Amino acid sequence: MTEPDLSDLRERAVHGDAEAGAELIELATERGDLNELRRLADAGSADATDELIQLAAEQGNIEELRRLSDSGNATATDQLIELATEQDNMEELRRLADRGNITAAEQLEELTAE
């Protein structure tokens, strides 16, 4: 897709064209474009948020998952805990546990007991 086509698609999505929005999400996901997905998610697209979380988890992007988690997204928090556990990232698990996340506290306890 050319840049002018992409710009047209974005413009249509901004003006409420649901098909254009869905196509943008699909294209961004296929390209691994976190920035595009973030822009769409920040504009209120739940589908873009879901794809952003999944892609960030697949890419091991702790920072993006943390940003979404810190803004209150429970799915991002779950993915963040899973990724931090896989990476033995005690610092991230401790940060979440200190904020009251029981799952993170349990994972931290399991990892430190090994």
PDB file of N, CA and C in Angstrom:
ATOM      1  N   MET A   1       0.843  -1.168   0.000  1.00  0.00           N
ATOM      2  CA  MET A   1       0.000   0.000   0.000  1.00  0.00           C
ATOM      3  C   MET A   1       0.893   1.236   0.000  1.00  0.00           C
ATOM      4  N   THR A   2       0.555   2.165  -0.849  1.00  0.00           N
ATOM      5  CA  THR A   2       1.335   3.395  -0.951  1.00  0.00           C
ATOM      6  C   THR A   2       0.999   4.327   0.210  1.00  0.00           C
ATOM      7  N   GLU A   3       1.874   5.271   0.447  1.00  0.00           N
ATOM      8  CA  GLU A   3       1.645   6.237   1.525  1.00  0.00           C
ATOM      9  C   GLU A   3       0.377   7.058   1.291  1.00  0.00           C
ATOM     10  N   PRO A   4       0.118   7.512   0.040  1.00  0.00           N
ATOM     11  CA  PRO A   4      -1.147   8.238  -0.177  1.00  0.00           C
ATOM     12  C   PRO A   4      -2.386   7.364   0.118  1.00  0.00           C
ATOM     13  N   ASP A   5      -2.314   6.079  -0.233  1.00  0.00           N
ATOM     14  CA  ASP A   5      -3.433   5.176   0.058  1.00  0.00           C
ATOM     15  C   ASP A   5      -3.612   5.026   1.566  1.00  0.00           C
ATOM     16  N   LEU A   6      -2.503   4.910   2.268  1.00  0.00           N
ATOM     17  CA  LEU A   6      -2.541   4.777   3.721  1.00  0.00           C
ATOM     18  C   LEU A   6      -3.102   6.045   4.363  1.00  0.00           C
ATOM     19  N   SER A   7      -2.700   7.187   3.856  1.00  0.00           N
ATOM     20  CA  SER A   7      -3.215   8.470   4.367  1.00  0.00           C
ATOM     21  C   SER A   7      -4.719   8.569   4.141  1.00  0.00           C
ATOM     22  N   ASP A   8      -5.178   8.124   2.972  1.00  0.00           N
ATOM     23  CA  ASP A   8      -6.602   8.135   2.664  1.00  0.00           C
ATOM     24  C   ASP A   8      -7.355   7.209   3.616  1.00  0.00           C
ATOM     25  N   LEU A   9      -6.789   6.044   3.866  1.00  0.00           N
ATOM     26  CA  LEU A   9      -7.399   5.087   4.783  1.00  0.00           C
ATOM     27  C   LEU A   9      -7.502   5.674   6.190  1.00  0.00           C
ATOM     28  N   ARG A  10      -6.442   6.328   6.632  1.00  0.00           N
ATOM     29  CA  ARG A  10      -6.451   6.978   7.952  1.00  0.00           C
ATOM     30  C   ARG A  10      -7.526   8.056   8.022  1.00  0.00           C
ATOM     31  N   GLU A  11      -7.614   8.835   6.976  1.00  0.00           N
ATOM     32  CA  GLU A  11      -8.601   9.920   6.925  1.00  0.00           C
ATOM     33  C   GLU A  11     -10.021   9.354   7.006  1.00  0.00           C
ATOM     34  N   ARG A  12     -10.276   8.306   6.262  1.00  0.00           N
ATOM     35  CA  ARG A  12     -11.598   7.672   6.296  1.00  0.00           C
ATOM     36  C   ARG A  12     -11.898   7.121   7.685  1.00  0.00           C
ATOM     37  N   ALA A  13     -10.902   6.524   8.323  1.00  0.00           N
ATOM     38  CA  ALA A  13     -11.090   5.966   9.669  1.00  0.00           C
ATOM     39  C   ALA A  13     -11.403   7.071  10.673  1.00  0.00           C
ATOM     40  N   VAL A  14     -10.703   8.186  10.566  1.00  0.00           N
ATOM     41  CA  VAL A  14     -10.932   9.322  11.466  1.00  0.00           C
ATOM     42  C   VAL A  14     -12.368   9.833  11.347  1.00  0.00           C
ATOM     43  N   HIS A  15     -12.919   9.720  10.148  1.00  0.00           N
ATOM     44  CA  HIS A  15     -14.280  10.215   9.910  1.00  0.00           C
ATOM     45  C   HIS A  15     -15.334   9.131  10.125  1.00  0.00           C
ATOM     46  N   GLY A  16     -14.960   8.073  10.837  1.00  0.00           N
ATOM     47  CA  GLY A  16     -15.955   7.094  11.252  1.00  0.00           C
ATOM     48  C   GLY A  16     -16.156   5.888  10.358  1.00  0.00           C
ATOM     49  N   ASP A  17     -15.337   5.725   9.330  1.00  0.00           N
ATOM     50  CA  ASP A  17     -15.469   4.556   8.455  1.00  0.00           C
ATOM     51  C   ASP A  17     -14.897   3.330   9.176  1.00  0.00           C
ATOM     52  N   ALA A  18     -15.805   2.487   9.686  1.00  0.00           N
ATOM     53  CA  ALA A  18     -15.391   1.325  10.474  1.00  0.00           C
ATOM     54  C   ALA A  18     -14.555   0.349   9.649  1.00  0.00           C
ATOM     55  N   GLU A  19     -14.894   0.189   8.392  1.00  0.00           N
ATOM     56  CA  GLU A  19     -14.121  -0.720   7.527  1.00  0.00           C
ATOM     57  C   GLU A  19     -12.693  -0.220   7.353  1.00  0.00           C
ATOM     58  N   ALA A  20     -12.550   1.083   7.191  1.00  0.00           N
ATOM     59  CA  ALA A  20     -11.210   1.665   7.055  1.00  0.00           C
ATOM     60  C   ALA A  20     -10.418   1.458   8.336  1.00  0.00           C
ATOM     61  N   GLY A  21     -11.076   1.639   9.475  1.00  0.00           N
ATOM     62  CA  GLY A  21     -10.410   1.416  10.756  1.00  0.00           C
ATOM     63  C   GLY A  21      -9.960  -0.022  10.909  1.00  0.00           C
ATOM     64  N   ALA A  22     -10.835  -0.947  10.565  1.00  0.00           N
ATOM     65  CA  ALA A  22     -10.493  -2.364  10.661  1.00  0.00           C
ATOM     66  C   ALA A  22      -9.341  -2.715   9.729  1.00  0.00           C
ATOM     67  N   GLU A  23      -9.352  -2.137   8.539  1.00  0.00           N
ATOM     68  CA  GLU A  23      -8.264  -2.392   7.588  1.00  0.00           C
ATOM     69  C   GLU A  23      -6.937  -1.822   8.096  1.00  0.00           C
ATOM     70  N   LEU A  24      -7.002  -0.647   8.696  1.00  0.00           N
ATOM     71  CA  LEU A  24      -5.790  -0.053   9.276  1.00  0.00           C
ATOM     72  C   LEU A  24      -5.214  -0.945  10.369  1.00  0.00           C
ATOM     73  N   ILE A  25      -6.088  -1.461  11.222  1.00  0.00           N
ATOM     74  CA  ILE A  25      -5.644  -2.347  12.304  1.00  0.00           C
ATOM     75  C   ILE A  25      -5.000  -3.598  11.725  1.00  0.00           C
ATOM     76  N   GLU A  26      -5.642  -4.178  10.733  1.00  0.00           N
ATOM     77  CA  GLU A  26      -5.103  -5.384  10.099  1.00  0.00           C
ATOM     78  C   GLU A  26      -3.742  -5.119   9.454  1.00  0.00           C
ATOM     79  N   LEU A  27      -3.627  -4.026   8.730  1.00  0.00           N
ATOM     80  CA  LEU A  27      -2.354  -3.680   8.089  1.00  0.00           C
ATOM     81  C   LEU A  27      -1.259  -3.428   9.118  1.00  0.00           C
ATOM     82  N   ALA A  28      -1.597  -2.691  10.161  1.00  0.00           N
ATOM     83  CA  ALA A  28      -0.612  -2.383  11.199  1.00  0.00           C
ATOM     84  C   ALA A  28      -0.143  -3.664  11.888  1.00  0.00           C
ATOM     85  N   THR A  29      -1.068  -4.570  12.144  1.00  0.00           N
ATOM     86  CA  THR A  29      -0.724  -5.834  12.789  1.00  0.00           C
ATOM     87  C   THR A  29       0.189  -6.650  11.894  1.00  0.00           C
ATOM     88  N   GLU A  30      -0.153  -6.742  10.614  1.00  0.00           N
ATOM     89  CA  GLU A  30       0.672  -7.495   9.665  1.00  0.00           C
ATOM     90  C   GLU A  30       2.076  -6.919   9.558  1.00  0.00           C
ATOM     91  N   ARG A  31       2.186  -5.602   9.627  1.00  0.00           N
ATOM     92  CA  ARG A  31       3.494  -4.935   9.502  1.00  0.00           C
ATOM     93  C   ARG A  31       4.235  -4.874  10.835  1.00  0.00           C
ATOM     94  N   GLY A  32       3.561  -5.234  11.912  1.00  0.00           N
ATOM     95  CA  GLY A  32       4.193  -5.118  13.230  1.00  0.00           C
ATOM     96  C   GLY A  32       4.375  -3.672  13.638  1.00  0.00           C
ATOM     97  N   ASP A  33       3.465  -2.819  13.202  1.00  0.00           N
ATOM     98  CA  ASP A  33       3.577  -1.375  13.418  1.00  0.00           C
ATOM     99  C   ASP A  33       2.928  -0.970  14.740  1.00  0.00           C
ATOM    100  N   LEU A  34       3.726  -0.991  15.800  1.00  0.00           N
ATOM    101  CA  LEU A  34       3.224  -0.605  17.116  1.00  0.00           C
ATOM    102  C   LEU A  34       2.755   0.840  17.149  1.00  0.00           C
ATOM    103  N   ASN A  35       3.422   1.712  16.431  1.00  0.00           N
ATOM    104  CA  ASN A  35       3.047   3.129  16.454  1.00  0.00           C
ATOM    105  C   ASN A  35       1.644   3.346  15.901  1.00  0.00           C
ATOM    106  N   GLU A  36       1.338   2.679  14.780  1.00  0.00           N
ATOM    107  CA  GLU A  36       0.006   2.812  14.181  1.00  0.00           C
ATOM    108  C   GLU A  36      -1.055   2.228  15.117  1.00  0.00           C
ATOM    109  N   LEU A  37      -0.773   1.061  15.659  1.00  0.00           N
ATOM    110  CA  LEU A  37      -1.721   0.450  16.585  1.00  0.00           C
ATOM    111  C   LEU A  37      -1.911   1.314  17.827  1.00  0.00           C
ATOM    112  N   ARG A  38      -0.838   1.887  18.328  1.00  0.00           N
ATOM    113  CA  ARG A  38      -0.913   2.767  19.500  1.00  0.00           C
ATOM    114  C   ARG A  38      -1.781   3.981  19.192  1.00  0.00           C
ATOM    115  N   ARG A  39      -1.591   4.567  18.022  1.00  0.00           N
ATOM    116  CA  ARG A  39      -2.375   5.739  17.622  1.00  0.00           C
ATOM    117  C   ARG A  39      -3.861   5.386  17.576  1.00  0.00           C
ATOM    118  N   LEU A  40      -4.182   4.234  16.982  1.00  0.00           N
ATOM    119  CA  LEU A  40      -5.576   3.800  16.879  1.00  0.00           C
ATOM    120  C   LEU A  40      -6.156   3.455  18.254  1.00  0.00           C
ATOM    121  N   ALA A  41      -5.347   2.798  19.076  1.00  0.00           N
ATOM    122  CA  ALA A  41      -5.793   2.444  20.423  1.00  0.00           C
ATOM    123  C   ALA A  41      -6.036   3.707  21.247  1.00  0.00           C
ATOM    124  N   ASP A  42      -5.130   4.652  21.148  1.00  0.00           N
ATOM    125  CA  ASP A  42      -5.278   5.903  21.902  1.00  0.00           C
ATOM    126  C   ASP A  42      -6.489   6.706  21.436  1.00  0.00           C
ATOM    127  N   ALA A  43      -6.927   6.456  20.192  1.00  0.00           N
ATOM    128  CA  ALA A  43      -8.125   7.120  19.667  1.00  0.00           C
ATOM    129  C   ALA A  43      -9.397   6.398  20.093  1.00  0.00           C
ATOM    130  N   GLY A  44      -9.231   5.290  20.833  1.00  0.00           N
ATOM    131  CA  GLY A  44     -10.396   4.619  21.384  1.00  0.00           C
ATOM    132  C   GLY A  44     -10.757   3.279  20.786  1.00  0.00           C
ATOM    133  N   SER A  45      -9.938   2.749  19.889  1.00  0.00           N
ATOM    134  CA  SER A  45     -10.249   1.462  19.276  1.00  0.00           C
ATOM    135  C   SER A  45      -9.851   0.304  20.189  1.00  0.00           C
ATOM    136  N   ALA A  46     -10.865  -0.409  20.679  1.00  0.00           N
ATOM    137  CA  ALA A  46     -10.605  -1.573  21.529  1.00  0.00           C
ATOM    138  C   ALA A  46      -9.907  -2.675  20.733  1.00  0.00           C
ATOM    139  N   ASP A  47     -10.268  -2.822  19.460  1.00  0.00           N
ATOM    140  CA  ASP A  47      -9.626  -3.837  18.622  1.00  0.00           C
ATOM    141  C   ASP A  47      -8.140  -3.535  18.445  1.00  0.00           C
ATOM    142  N   ALA A  48      -7.826  -2.263  18.239  1.00  0.00           N
ATOM    143  CA  ALA A  48      -6.419  -1.875  18.096  1.00  0.00           C
ATOM    144  C   ALA A  48      -5.673  -2.113  19.401  1.00  0.00           C
ATOM    145  N   THR A  49      -6.324  -1.849  20.520  1.00  0.00           N
ATOM    146  CA  THR A  49      -5.704  -2.091  21.827  1.00  0.00           C
ATOM    147  C   THR A  49      -5.391  -3.568  21.996  1.00  0.00           C
ATOM    148  N   ASP A  50      -6.357  -4.417  21.651  1.00  0.00           N
ATOM    149  CA  ASP A  50      -6.139  -5.864  21.759  1.00  0.00           C
ATOM    150  C   ASP A  50      -4.971  -6.320  20.896  1.00  0.00           C
ATOM    151  N   GLU A  51      -4.921  -5.830  19.668  1.00  0.00           N
ATOM    152  CA  GLU A  51      -3.832  -6.202  18.755  1.00  0.00           C
ATOM    153  C   GLU A  51      -2.496  -5.653  19.254  1.00  0.00           C
ATOM    154  N   LEU A  52      -2.522  -4.448  19.797  1.00  0.00           N
ATOM    155  CA  LEU A  52      -1.309  -3.829  20.329  1.00  0.00           C
ATOM    156  C   LEU A  52      -0.753  -4.658  21.480  1.00  0.00           C
ATOM    157  N   ILE A  53      -1.619  -5.105  22.365  1.00  0.00           N
ATOM    158  CA  ILE A  53      -1.181  -5.928  23.494  1.00  0.00           C
ATOM    159  C   ILE A  53      -0.573  -7.233  22.995  1.00  0.00           C
ATOM    160  N   GLN A  54      -1.274  -7.873  22.069  1.00  0.00           N
ATOM    161  CA  GLN A  54      -0.784  -9.151  21.548  1.00  0.00           C
ATOM    162  C   GLN A  54       0.559  -8.981  20.842  1.00  0.00           C
ATOM    163  N   LEU A  55       0.677  -7.963  20.012  1.00  0.00           N
ATOM    164  CA  LEU A  55       1.918  -7.732  19.276  1.00  0.00           C
ATOM    165  C   LEU A  55       3.063  -7.356  20.218  1.00  0.00           C
ATOM    166  N   ALA A  56       2.774  -6.517  21.194  1.00  0.00           N
ATOM    167  CA  ALA A  56       3.810  -6.135  22.161  1.00  0.00           C
ATOM    168  C   ALA A  56       4.297  -7.358  22.929  1.00  0.00           C
ATOM    169  N   ALA A  57       3.378  -8.234  23.300  1.00  0.00           N
ATOM    170  CA  ALA A  57       3.761  -9.465  24.006  1.00  0.00           C
ATOM    171  C   ALA A  57       4.617 -10.355  23.111  1.00  0.00           C
ATOM    172  N   GLU A  58       4.216 -10.511  21.864  1.00  0.00           N
ATOM    173  CA  GLU A  58       4.982 -11.334  20.918  1.00  0.00           C
ATOM    174  C   GLU A  58       6.384 -10.782  20.702  1.00  0.00           C
ATOM    175  N   GLN A  59       6.487  -9.470  20.688  1.00  0.00           N
ATOM    176  CA  GLN A  59       7.781  -8.824  20.461  1.00  0.00           C
ATOM    177  C   GLN A  59       8.597  -8.690  21.749  1.00  0.00           C
ATOM    178  N   GLY A  60       8.020  -9.072  22.870  1.00  0.00           N
ATOM    179  CA  GLY A  60       8.732  -8.939  24.141  1.00  0.00           C
ATOM    180  C   GLY A  60       8.899  -7.495  24.569  1.00  0.00           C
ATOM    181  N   ASN A  61       7.949  -6.653  24.194  1.00  0.00           N
ATOM    182  CA  ASN A  61       8.039  -5.219  24.441  1.00  0.00           C
ATOM    183  C   ASN A  61       7.456  -4.871  25.819  1.00  0.00           C
ATOM    184  N   ILE A  62       8.307  -5.008  26.824  1.00  0.00           N
ATOM    185  CA  ILE A  62       7.923  -4.724  28.214  1.00  0.00           C
ATOM    186  C   ILE A  62       7.441  -3.275  28.367  1.00  0.00           C
ATOM    187  N   GLU A  63       8.100  -2.339  27.711  1.00  0.00           N
ATOM    188  CA  GLU A  63       7.757  -0.924  27.873  1.00  0.00           C
ATOM    189  C   GLU A  63       6.334  -0.638  27.420  1.00  0.00           C
ATOM    190  N   GLU A  64       5.950  -1.204  26.265  1.00  0.00           N
ATOM    191  CA  GLU A  64       4.586  -0.961  25.760  1.00  0.00           C
ATOM    192  C   GLU A  64       3.560  -1.618  26.667  1.00  0.00           C
ATOM    193  N   LEU A  65       3.831  -2.837  27.091  1.00  0.00           N
ATOM    194  CA  LEU A  65       2.905  -3.505  27.996  1.00  0.00           C
ATOM    195  C   LEU A  65       2.798  -2.749  29.320  1.00  0.00           C
ATOM    196  N   ARG A  66       3.905  -2.226  29.799  1.00  0.00           N
ATOM    197  CA  ARG A  66       3.897  -1.442  31.041  1.00  0.00           C
ATOM    198  C   ARG A  66       3.051  -0.181  30.867  1.00  0.00           C
ATOM    199  N   ARG A  67       3.219   0.492  29.747  1.00  0.00           N
ATOM    200  CA  ARG A  67       2.444   1.712  29.483  1.00  0.00           C
ATOM    201  C   ARG A  67       0.946   1.412  29.509  1.00  0.00           C
ATOM    202  N   LEU A  68       0.555   0.335  28.849  1.00  0.00           N
ATOM    203  CA  LEU A  68      -0.860  -0.035  28.802  1.00  0.00           C
ATOM    204  C   LEU A  68      -1.354  -0.505  30.173  1.00  0.00           C
ATOM    205  N   SER A  69      -0.534  -1.276  30.840  1.00  0.00           N
ATOM    206  CA  SER A  69      -0.885  -1.759  32.178  1.00  0.00           C
ATOM    207  C   SER A  69      -1.050  -0.595  33.141  1.00  0.00           C
ATOM    208  N   ASP A  70      -0.121   0.337  33.106  1.00  0.00           N
ATOM    209  CA  ASP A  70      -0.170   1.484  34.014  1.00  0.00           C
ATOM    210  C   ASP A  70      -1.367   2.389  33.745  1.00  0.00           C
ATOM    211  N   SER A  71      -1.926   2.287  32.532  1.00  0.00           N
ATOM    212  CA  SER A  71      -3.122   3.075  32.231  1.00  0.00           C
ATOM    213  C   SER A  71      -4.396   2.321  32.607  1.00  0.00           C
ATOM    214  N   GLY A  72      -4.225   1.129  33.203  1.00  0.00           N
ATOM    215  CA  GLY A  72      -5.373   0.403  33.726  1.00  0.00           C
ATOM    216  C   GLY A  72      -5.860  -0.773  32.908  1.00  0.00           C
ATOM    217  N   ASN A  73      -5.128  -1.163  31.881  1.00  0.00           N
ATOM    218  CA  ASN A  73      -5.564  -2.276  31.048  1.00  0.00           C
ATOM    219  C   ASN A  73      -5.169  -3.606  31.700  1.00  0.00           C
ATOM    220  N   ALA A  74      -6.162  -4.359  32.151  1.00  0.00           N
ATOM    221  CA  ALA A  74      -5.921  -5.613  32.871  1.00  0.00           C
ATOM    222  C   ALA A  74      -5.293  -6.680  31.980  1.00  0.00           C
ATOM    223  N   THR A  75      -5.686  -6.715  30.714  1.00  0.00           N
ATOM    224  CA  THR A  75      -5.113  -7.695  29.789  1.00  0.00           C
ATOM    225  C   THR A  75      -3.621  -7.423  29.599  1.00  0.00           C
ATOM    226  N   ALA A  76      -3.267  -6.156  29.476  1.00  0.00           N
ATOM    227  CA  ALA A  76      -1.855  -5.794  29.343  1.00  0.00           C
ATOM    228  C   ALA A  76      -1.094  -6.174  30.608  1.00  0.00           C
ATOM    229  N   THR A  77      -1.722  -6.003  31.756  1.00  0.00           N
ATOM    230  CA  THR A  77      -1.081  -6.379  33.021  1.00  0.00           C
ATOM    231  C   THR A  77      -0.807  -7.875  33.046  1.00  0.00           C
ATOM    232  N   ASP A  78      -1.799  -8.660  32.641  1.00  0.00           N
ATOM    233  CA  ASP A  78      -1.618 -10.115  32.603  1.00  0.00           C
ATOM    234  C   ASP A  78      -0.473 -10.505  31.671  1.00  0.00           C
ATOM    235  N   GLN A  79      -0.440  -9.888  30.503  1.00  0.00           N
ATOM    236  CA  GLN A  79       0.629 -10.186  29.537  1.00  0.00           C
ATOM    237  C   GLN A  79       1.990  -9.730  30.063  1.00  0.00           C
ATOM    238  N   LEU A  80       1.997  -8.601  30.748  1.00  0.00           N
ATOM    239  CA  LEU A  80       3.229  -8.079  31.330  1.00  0.00           C
ATOM    240  C   LEU A  80       3.769  -9.041  32.380  1.00  0.00           C
ATOM    241  N   ILE A  81       2.903  -9.546  33.222  1.00  0.00           N
ATOM    242  CA  ILE A  81       3.320 -10.511  34.247  1.00  0.00           C
ATOM    243  C   ILE A  81       3.861 -11.772  33.590  1.00  0.00           C
ATOM    244  N   GLU A  82       3.161 -12.255  32.573  1.00  0.00           N
ATOM    245  CA  GLU A  82       3.607 -13.459  31.872  1.00  0.00           C
ATOM    246  C   GLU A  82       4.982 -13.250  31.237  1.00  0.00           C
ATOM    247  N   LEU A  83       5.159 -12.128  30.568  1.00  0.00           N
ATOM    248  CA  LEU A  83       6.434 -11.841  29.911  1.00  0.00           C
ATOM    249  C   LEU A  83       7.546 -11.642  30.940  1.00  0.00           C
ATOM    250  N   ALA A  84       7.261 -10.910  31.988  1.00  0.00           N
ATOM    251  CA  ALA A  84       8.267 -10.678  33.030  1.00  0.00           C
ATOM    252  C   ALA A  84       8.681 -11.996  33.681  1.00  0.00           C
ATOM    253  N   THR A  85       7.716 -12.881  33.863  1.00  0.00           N
ATOM    254  CA  THR A  85       8.018 -14.195  34.440  1.00  0.00           C
ATOM    255  C   THR A  85       8.902 -15.000  33.502  1.00  0.00           C
ATOM    256  N   GLU A  86       8.557 -15.013  32.210  1.00  0.00           N
ATOM    257  CA  GLU A  86       9.358 -15.737  31.218  1.00  0.00           C
ATOM    258  C   GLU A  86      10.791 -15.219  31.172  1.00  0.00           C
ATOM    259  N   GLN A  87      10.942 -13.914  31.354  1.00  0.00           N
ATOM    260  CA  GLN A  87      12.258 -13.282  31.274  1.00  0.00           C
ATOM    261  C   GLN A  87      12.968 -13.217  32.625  1.00  0.00           C
ATOM    262  N   ASP A  88      12.373 -13.806  33.650  1.00  0.00           N
ATOM    263  CA  ASP A  88      12.924 -13.706  35.012  1.00  0.00           C
ATOM    264  C   ASP A  88      13.189 -12.253  35.396  1.00  0.00           C
ATOM    265  N   ASN A  89      12.265 -11.380  35.019  1.00  0.00           N
ATOM    266  CA  ASN A  89      12.406  -9.950  35.277  1.00  0.00           C
ATOM    267  C   ASN A  89      11.831  -9.631  36.662  1.00  0.00           C
ATOM    268  N   MET A  90      12.656  -9.873  37.664  1.00  0.00           N
ATOM    269  CA  MET A  90      12.237  -9.677  39.051  1.00  0.00           C
ATOM    270  C   MET A  90      11.862  -8.217  39.329  1.00  0.00           C
ATOM    271  N   GLU A  91      12.577  -7.303  38.723  1.00  0.00           N
ATOM    272  CA  GLU A  91      12.325  -5.879  38.952  1.00  0.00           C
ATOM    273  C   GLU A  91      10.900  -5.506  38.541  1.00  0.00           C
ATOM    274  N   GLU A  92      10.477  -5.985  37.365  1.00  0.00           N
ATOM    275  CA  GLU A  92       9.123  -5.666  36.891  1.00  0.00           C
ATOM    276  C   GLU A  92       8.068  -6.348  37.763  1.00  0.00           C
ATOM    277  N   LEU A  93       8.299  -7.592  38.104  1.00  0.00           N
ATOM    278  CA  LEU A  93       7.355  -8.293  38.973  1.00  0.00           C
ATOM    279  C   LEU A  93       7.260  -7.610  40.335  1.00  0.00           C
ATOM    280  N   ARG A  94       8.393  -7.172  40.857  1.00  0.00           N
ATOM    281  CA  ARG A  94       8.406  -6.467  42.149  1.00  0.00           C
ATOM    282  C   ARG A  94       7.639  -5.150  42.044  1.00  0.00           C
ATOM    283  N   ARG A  95       7.835  -4.446  40.947  1.00  0.00           N
ATOM    284  CA  ARG A  95       7.132  -3.168  40.733  1.00  0.00           C
ATOM    285  C   ARG A  95       5.620  -3.390  40.745  1.00  0.00           C
ATOM    286  N   LEU A  96       5.178  -4.427  40.037  1.00  0.00           N
ATOM    287  CA  LEU A  96       3.746  -4.733  39.990  1.00  0.00           C
ATOM    288  C   LEU A  96       3.236  -5.214  41.349  1.00  0.00           C
ATOM    289  N   ALA A  97       4.023  -6.049  42.002  1.00  0.00           N
ATOM    290  CA  ALA A  97       3.641  -6.547  43.326  1.00  0.00           C
ATOM    291  C   ALA A  97       3.529  -5.388  44.319  1.00  0.00           C
ATOM    292  N   ASP A  98       4.460  -4.458  44.248  1.00  0.00           N
ATOM    293  CA  ASP A  98       4.437  -3.295  45.141  1.00  0.00           C
ATOM    294  C   ASP A  98       3.205  -2.417  44.898  1.00  0.00           C
ATOM    295  N   ARG A  99       2.625  -2.526  43.704  1.00  0.00           N
ATOM    296  CA  ARG A  99       1.415  -1.776  43.378  1.00  0.00           C
ATOM    297  C   ARG A  99       0.162  -2.552  43.756  1.00  0.00           C
ATOM    298  N   GLY A 100       0.374  -3.724  44.381  1.00  0.00           N
ATOM    299  CA  GLY A 100      -0.762  -4.494  44.873  1.00  0.00           C
ATOM    300  C   GLY A 100      -1.227  -5.624  43.989  1.00  0.00           C
ATOM    301  N   ASN A 101      -0.469  -5.947  42.930  1.00  0.00           N
ATOM    302  CA  ASN A 101      -0.888  -7.030  42.054  1.00  0.00           C
ATOM    303  C   ASN A 101      -0.516  -8.372  42.683  1.00  0.00           C
ATOM    304  N   ILE A 102      -1.527  -9.137  43.046  1.00  0.00           N
ATOM    305  CA  ILE A 102      -1.321 -10.417  43.736  1.00  0.00           C
ATOM    306  C   ILE A 102      -0.646 -11.438  42.832  1.00  0.00           C
ATOM    307  N   THR A 103      -1.047 -11.490  41.562  1.00  0.00           N
ATOM    308  CA  THR A 103      -0.455 -12.456  40.632  1.00  0.00           C
ATOM    309  C   THR A 103       1.042 -12.205  40.478  1.00  0.00           C
ATOM    310  N   ALA A 104       1.412 -10.947  40.358  1.00  0.00           N
ATOM    311  CA  ALA A 104       2.835 -10.612  40.244  1.00  0.00           C
ATOM    312  C   ALA A 104       3.574 -11.014  41.511  1.00  0.00           C
ATOM    313  N   ALA A 105       2.961 -10.791  42.660  1.00  0.00           N
ATOM    314  CA  ALA A 105       3.578 -11.165  43.942  1.00  0.00           C
ATOM    315  C   ALA A 105       3.782 -12.677  44.014  1.00  0.00           C
ATOM    316  N   GLU A 106       2.779 -13.428  43.563  1.00  0.00           N
ATOM    317  CA  GLU A 106       2.892 -14.890  43.569  1.00  0.00           C
ATOM    318  C   GLU A 106       3.987 -15.369  42.626  1.00  0.00           C
ATOM    319  N   GLN A 107       4.060 -14.776  41.439  1.00  0.00           N
ATOM    320  CA  GLN A 107       5.101 -15.152  40.473  1.00  0.00           C
ATOM    321  C   GLN A 107       6.487 -14.820  41.028  1.00  0.00           C
ATOM    322  N   LEU A 108       6.595 -13.661  41.649  1.00  0.00           N
ATOM    323  CA  LEU A 108       7.858 -13.247  42.247  1.00  0.00           C
ATOM    324  C   LEU A 108       8.272 -14.216  43.327  1.00  0.00           C
ATOM    325  N   GLU A 109       7.335 -14.618  44.147  1.00  0.00           N
ATOM    326  CA  GLU A 109       7.624 -15.574  45.227  1.00  0.00           C
ATOM    327  C   GLU A 109       8.088 -16.917  44.649  1.00  0.00           C
ATOM    328  N   GLU A 110       7.414 -17.361  43.602  1.00  0.00           N
ATOM    329  CA  GLU A 110       7.809 -18.639  42.966  1.00  0.00           C
ATOM    330  C   GLU A 110       9.218 -18.558  42.385  1.00  0.00           C
ATOM    331  N   LEU A 111       9.521 -17.460  41.706  1.00  0.00           N
ATOM    332  CA  LEU A 111      10.827 -17.316  41.069  1.00  0.00           C
ATOM    333  C   LEU A 111      11.961 -17.198  42.103  1.00  0.00           C
ATOM    334  N   THR A 112      11.685 -16.524  43.195  1.00  0.00           N
ATOM    335  CA  THR A 112      12.726 -16.346  44.204  1.00  0.00           C
ATOM    336  C   THR A 112      12.907 -17.604  45.044  1.00  0.00           C
ATOM    337  N   ALA A 113      11.907 -18.485  45.044  1.00  0.00           N
ATOM    338  CA  ALA A 113      12.011 -19.738  45.800  1.00  0.00           C
ATOM    339  C   ALA A 113      12.823 -20.790  45.056  1.00  0.00           C
ATOM    340  N   GLU A 114      12.969 -20.600  43.740  1.00  0.00           N
ATOM    341  CA  GLU A 114      13.699 -21.604  42.939  1.00  0.00           C
ATOM    342  C   GLU A 114      15.171 -21.562  43.142  1.00  0.00           C
TER     343      GLU A 114
END
